[in-house]
Amino acid sequence: MADPVASLARAFTRFGQAHPAQSQVATEFVAVLGDAQDPFVRTRLAGHFTASALVVSRDGARTLLTHHRKLGLWLQPGGHADGDRDLARVALRETEEETGLRDVAVLPEIFDLDRHWIPVHRDVPGHWHYDVRYVVRAGTDETFAISEESLALAWVPILEVALGNGYDASLQRMAQRWRERAARPS
């Protein structure tokens, strides 16, 4: 069986080569993999891996966003790796837990990388999230259920996210990337 950390390092490198504007962040992600303290657990307060998903409707025109309870922002579902080195599986698990969607599939290639600061919350100091993002496709049943992590969920046109105001810049980047990908001839 392949070493999941080595596989991730190769995937980060490939992502950086495919997306030159994000090559520096991809290099940072590779460096975190080599840290002596496990970057897959949230106790690494210098920063740790999380995984999230651009949840795309079956027709590819909408994305399911969560109104995040702690941050008060409309974001994609995601969460901590908590020791799991298969970050695509983490993205899928978090999608199912936070949205209640069941008929979903994760696309295995990394779709986006984002390093972002998480402010102090209760007894947890501020820290970095190294978020590895995947696309999760909804199936025929797009019925969602709001979890305790969210204030609300909503299917939003990807075009609105890509071009609209009030969305996180990294979420807009993913929406724009999805639109570009969908516009390419098959």
Protein backbone atom coordinates (compact mmCIF):
# COMPACT_ATOMS: atom_id res chain seq x y z
CA MET A 1 0.00 0.00 0.00
CA ALA A 2 1.29 3.47 -0.90
CA ASP A 3 2.40 5.86 1.82
CA PRO A 4 -0.48 8.37 2.16
CA VAL A 5 1.85 11.21 3.18
CA ALA A 6 4.11 10.66 0.16
CA SER A 7 1.01 10.47 -2.07
CA LEU A 8 -0.23 13.77 -0.65
CA ALA A 9 3.17 15.40 -1.20
CA ARG A 10 3.04 14.36 -4.87
CA ALA A 11 -0.57 15.57 -5.16
CA PHE A 12 0.34 18.97 -3.63
CA THR A 13 3.27 19.30 -6.04
CA ARG A 14 1.10 18.38 -9.05
CA PHE A 15 -1.53 20.87 -7.91
CA GLY A 16 1.09 23.65 -7.65
CA GLN A 17 2.33 22.85 -11.16
CA ALA A 18 -1.22 22.89 -12.57
CA HIS A 19 -2.13 26.13 -10.76
CA PRO A 20 0.92 28.45 -10.83
CA ALA A 21 -0.91 31.18 -8.90
CA GLN A 22 -1.10 28.72 -5.99
CA SER A 23 2.35 27.14 -6.35
CA GLN A 24 3.70 28.85 -3.22
CA VAL A 25 0.83 27.60 -1.05
CA ALA A 26 1.33 24.09 -2.48
CA THR A 27 5.00 24.28 -1.45
CA GLU A 28 3.93 25.32 2.07
CA PHE A 29 1.56 22.33 2.26
CA VAL A 30 4.39 19.95 1.30
CA ALA A 31 6.58 21.50 4.02
CA VAL A 32 3.88 20.97 6.68
CA LEU A 33 3.77 17.27 5.77
CA GLY A 34 7.41 16.96 6.86
CA ASP A 35 6.88 18.48 10.31
CA ALA A 36 7.92 16.34 13.28
CA GLN A 37 4.62 17.12 15.04
CA ASP A 38 1.69 15.36 13.34
CA PRO A 39 -0.06 17.92 11.09
CA PHE A 40 -3.15 15.71 10.81
CA VAL A 41 -4.27 16.36 14.41
CA ARG A 42 -5.81 19.56 15.68
CA THR A 43 -3.48 19.71 18.70
CA ARG A 44 -0.71 20.94 16.35
CA LEU A 45 -1.41 24.61 17.00
CA ALA A 46 1.23 25.80 14.52
CA GLY A 47 -1.36 24.64 11.98
CA HIS A 48 -2.99 21.42 10.89
CA PHE A 49 -4.75 19.83 7.94
CA THR A 50 -8.45 20.19 7.34
CA ALA A 51 -10.46 19.12 4.31
CA SER A 52 -13.48 20.70 2.72
CA ALA A 53 -15.67 20.30 -0.34
CA LEU A 54 -17.15 22.39 -3.06
CA VAL A 55 -20.44 20.50 -3.07
CA VAL A 56 -21.80 20.68 -6.60
CA SER A 57 -25.35 19.85 -7.65
CA ARG A 58 -26.00 17.03 -10.07
CA ASP A 59 -26.43 19.54 -12.91
CA GLY A 60 -23.20 21.33 -11.94
CA ALA A 61 -24.89 24.74 -11.68
CA ARG A 62 -25.25 25.13 -7.90
CA THR A 63 -23.19 24.65 -4.77
CA LEU A 64 -24.43 23.78 -1.29
CA LEU A 65 -23.16 26.28 1.28
CA THR A 66 -23.34 26.25 5.05
CA HIS A 67 -23.85 29.34 7.17
CA HIS A 68 -21.08 28.46 9.63
CA ARG A 69 -22.20 28.75 13.25
CA LYS A 70 -18.80 29.78 14.72
CA LEU A 71 -17.60 32.03 11.90
CA GLY A 72 -20.92 33.51 10.79
CA LEU A 73 -19.98 33.16 7.10
CA TRP A 74 -21.40 31.25 4.14
CA LEU A 75 -18.76 28.61 3.40
CA GLN A 76 -18.27 25.15 1.96
CA PRO A 77 -18.61 22.20 4.37
CA GLY A 78 -15.41 20.88 5.88
CA GLY A 79 -13.55 20.01 9.02
CA HIS A 80 -10.53 18.60 10.80
CA ALA A 81 -8.63 15.53 9.62
CA ASP A 82 -8.43 14.25 13.22
CA GLY A 83 -5.65 11.81 12.34
CA ASP A 84 -7.08 10.66 9.00
CA ARG A 85 -4.47 11.00 6.24
CA ASP A 86 -7.01 10.38 3.47
CA LEU A 87 -8.18 13.96 3.06
CA ALA A 88 -10.60 13.15 0.23
CA ARG A 89 -12.36 10.81 2.66
CA VAL A 90 -12.38 13.59 5.27
CA ALA A 91 -14.02 15.97 2.77
CA LEU A 92 -16.66 13.38 1.95
CA ARG A 93 -17.30 12.59 5.64
CA GLU A 94 -17.62 16.27 6.55
CA THR A 95 -20.00 16.85 3.64
CA GLU A 96 -22.26 14.04 4.79
CA GLU A 97 -22.11 15.09 8.46
CA GLU A 98 -22.72 18.80 7.84
CA THR A 99 -25.30 18.58 5.05
CA GLY A 100 -27.10 15.28 5.53
CA LEU A 101 -26.58 14.50 1.82
CA ARG A 102 -26.10 10.77 1.22
CA ASP A 103 -26.03 10.22 -2.52
CA VAL A 104 -22.68 11.97 -3.01
CA ALA A 105 -19.28 11.15 -4.53
CA VAL A 106 -15.93 12.83 -4.01
CA LEU A 107 -13.71 13.49 -7.01
CA PRO A 108 -10.27 12.21 -5.96
CA GLU A 109 -8.04 15.00 -7.25
CA ILE A 110 -7.30 18.08 -5.16
CA PHE A 111 -9.42 20.98 -6.40
CA ASP A 112 -7.99 23.81 -4.28
CA LEU A 113 -5.60 24.55 -1.43
CA ASP A 114 -6.09 27.31 1.10
CA ARG A 115 -4.15 28.32 4.20
CA HIS A 116 -6.29 30.50 6.44
CA TRP A 117 -6.20 31.83 9.98
CA ILE A 118 -8.73 30.62 12.54
CA PRO A 119 -9.22 33.13 15.37
CA VAL A 120 -9.26 32.28 19.07
CA HIS A 121 -12.45 30.44 20.04
CA ARG A 122 -13.15 29.72 23.70
CA ASP A 123 -10.07 27.89 25.01
CA VAL A 124 -8.52 27.16 21.59
CA PRO A 125 -5.80 29.63 20.55
CA GLY A 126 -5.75 31.10 17.06
CA HIS A 127 -4.09 28.80 14.53
CA TRP A 128 -3.67 28.03 10.82
CA HIS A 129 -5.81 25.64 8.83
CA TYR A 130 -4.17 24.00 5.84
CA ASP A 131 -7.37 23.24 3.99
CA VAL A 132 -7.29 20.68 1.19
CA ARG A 133 -10.38 21.05 -0.97
CA TYR A 134 -12.15 18.55 -3.17
CA VAL A 135 -15.27 18.53 -5.32
CA VAL A 136 -18.15 16.46 -3.99
CA ARG A 137 -20.93 15.79 -6.51
CA ALA A 138 -24.51 15.40 -5.37
CA GLY A 139 -26.62 12.61 -6.77
CA THR A 140 -30.30 12.65 -7.61
CA ASP A 141 -31.45 13.41 -4.05
CA GLU A 142 -30.32 16.94 -3.13
CA THR A 143 -32.32 17.07 0.10
CA PHE A 144 -30.15 18.43 2.91
CA ALA A 145 -30.44 18.54 6.69
CA ILE A 146 -28.97 21.31 8.84
CA SER A 147 -26.48 20.06 11.44
CA GLU A 148 -25.63 21.72 14.75
CA GLU A 149 -22.49 23.18 13.11
CA SER A 150 -24.60 25.35 10.80
CA LEU A 151 -27.11 28.14 11.16
CA ALA A 152 -28.49 27.33 7.70
CA LEU A 153 -27.75 25.53 4.43
CA ALA A 154 -28.62 26.70 0.93
CA TRP A 155 -28.13 25.66 -2.67
CA VAL A 156 -26.64 28.75 -4.34
CA PRO A 157 -25.95 29.27 -8.07
CA ILE A 158 -22.21 28.86 -8.65
CA LEU A 159 -22.29 31.92 -10.89
CA GLU A 160 -23.60 33.98 -7.96
CA VAL A 161 -20.76 32.77 -5.73
CA ALA A 162 -18.14 33.33 -8.45
CA LEU A 163 -19.23 36.87 -9.26
CA GLY A 164 -21.18 38.00 -6.20
CA ASN A 165 -20.25 40.10 -3.22
CA GLY A 166 -20.06 38.90 0.35
CA TYR A 167 -18.45 35.52 -0.25
CA ASP A 168 -15.06 34.42 1.04
CA ALA A 169 -12.37 35.05 -1.61
CA SER A 170 -11.21 31.42 -1.56
CA LEU A 171 -14.80 30.20 -2.05
CA GLN A 172 -15.12 32.57 -5.00
CA ARG A 173 -11.84 31.21 -6.41
CA MET A 174 -13.26 27.66 -6.26
CA ALA A 175 -16.53 28.72 -7.89
CA GLN A 176 -14.62 30.46 -10.68
CA ARG A 177 -12.40 27.39 -11.15
CA TRP A 178 -15.49 25.17 -11.36
CA ARG A 179 -17.05 27.44 -14.00
CA GLU A 180 -13.81 27.37 -16.04
CA ARG A 181 -13.64 23.60 -15.75
CA ALA A 182 -17.28 23.19 -16.78
CA ALA A 183 -16.75 25.50 -19.79
CA ARG A 184 -13.87 23.41 -21.19
CA PRO A 185 -14.83 21.06 -24.02
CA SER A 186 -14.92 17.40 -22.96
